[in-house]
Protein backbone atom coordinates (compact mmCIF):
# COMPACT_ATOMS: atom_id res chain seq x y z
CA MET A 1 -0.18 -0.32 0.13
CA ASN A 2 1.33 3.50 -1.15
CA LYS A 3 0.72 5.75 2.08
CA THR A 4 1.75 9.47 1.86
CA ILE A 5 1.47 12.54 3.33
CA VAL A 6 1.97 14.85 0.44
CA GLU A 7 -1.32 16.17 -1.30
CA TYR A 8 -0.11 17.36 -4.76
CA THR A 9 -2.01 20.88 -5.58
CA ASP A 10 -1.78 23.64 -7.79
CA VAL A 11 -4.75 25.61 -5.86
CA LYS A 12 -3.38 25.38 -2.25
CA ARG A 13 -0.43 27.34 -0.99
CA PRO A 14 2.69 24.89 -0.34
CA ARG A 15 2.84 24.07 3.35
CA ASN A 16 4.55 21.51 5.61
CA MET A 17 2.70 20.47 8.29
CA TYR A 18 4.80 17.38 9.03
CA PRO A 19 4.03 14.57 9.99
CA LYS A 20 0.51 14.96 9.41
CA LEU A 21 0.36 16.57 6.03
CA ILE A 22 2.41 18.14 3.19
CA LEU A 23 0.89 20.31 0.40
CA SER A 24 3.30 20.50 -2.65
CA PRO A 25 2.83 21.85 -5.94
CA SER A 26 2.33 19.20 -8.45
CA LYS A 27 5.38 19.64 -10.73
CA GLY A 28 8.98 20.63 -9.48
CA LYS A 29 10.99 23.45 -10.55
CA ALA A 30 14.80 24.22 -11.65
CA CYS A 31 15.15 25.40 -8.14
CA CYS A 32 14.68 21.85 -6.75
CA ALA A 33 17.75 20.69 -7.69
CA GLN A 34 20.16 22.55 -5.54
CA ASN A 35 17.21 23.06 -2.23
CA MET A 36 16.15 19.73 -1.55
CA GLU A 37 16.04 18.96 2.38
CA GLN A 38 15.12 15.90 4.40
CA ILE A 39 11.85 16.43 6.08
CA GLY A 40 11.53 14.05 9.29
CA GLY A 41 13.41 10.79 9.64
CA VAL A 42 13.63 7.55 7.71
CA GLU A 43 10.22 5.70 7.31
CA ARG A 44 9.64 2.01 6.12
CA GLU A 45 6.72 0.96 4.36
CA GLU A 46 6.37 -2.88 3.05
CA ASN A 47 10.58 -3.49 3.41
CA ARG A 48 11.26 -0.17 1.90
CA ALA A 49 12.98 2.62 3.81
CA TYR A 50 12.47 6.43 2.44
CA CYS A 51 12.13 9.94 3.42
CA TYR A 52 10.44 13.01 2.57
CA ARG A 53 12.61 15.48 0.66
CA ARG A 54 10.99 18.91 0.10
CA CYS A 55 12.48 22.25 -1.86
CA ARG A 56 13.12 24.90 0.04
CA ALA A 57 12.40 27.29 -2.36
CA CYS A 58 9.02 26.10 -4.03
CA GLY A 59 7.76 23.52 -1.63
CA TYR A 60 7.83 20.73 -4.04
CA THR A 61 7.94 17.26 -1.78
CA VAL A 62 8.81 13.73 -3.20
CA ARG A 63 9.24 10.51 -1.41
CA HIS A 64 13.00 9.64 -1.93
CA PHE A 65 13.52 5.74 -1.51
CA LEU A 66 16.86 4.88 -0.10
CA SER A 67 17.22 1.47 -1.57
CA ALA A 68 14.87 -1.03 -3.15
CA PRO A 69 15.04 -4.48 -1.75
CA PRO A 70 16.91 -7.07 -4.14
CA PRO A 71 15.49 -8.91 -6.73
CA ASP A 72 16.22 -12.57 -5.69
CA GLY A 73 18.35 -11.87 -2.81
CA PRO A 74 18.69 -14.36 -0.17
CA SER A 75 16.37 -14.16 2.73
CA GLY A 76 17.48 -11.58 5.38
CA SER A 77 19.66 -9.51 2.93
CA TRP A 78 17.13 -6.39 2.94
CA GLU A 79 16.97 -6.18 6.94
CA ASP A 80 20.98 -6.19 6.59
CA GLU A 81 20.84 -3.62 4.28
CA THR A 82 18.22 -1.64 6.08
CA SER A 83 20.17 -1.51 9.05
CA THR A 84 22.90 -0.36 7.48
CA LEU A 85 21.18 2.53 5.72
CA LEU A 86 19.22 3.52 8.59
CA LYS A 87 22.65 3.89 10.66
CA LEU A 88 23.87 6.19 7.77
CA VAL A 89 21.27 8.38 7.42
CA GLY A 90 20.54 8.12 11.59
């Protein structure tokens, strides 16, 4: 299930109400390349680790997945990778 707290809209003003809701423009702009910052901590969904990244200039927000599960990896390899990633991010 793909849960997200980001509401993409071009009608409402961009707004960060993390962890409940983030209002984001529907499209990024050139400013996003240099102004993305992490909002909140690393979260998990269906064995995938991600964080929210938001542009300081325009408010465009995305879920940034830190890594995808290995396609046919041995059992437990994703957990090992996740632990390593969370230590690096935390």
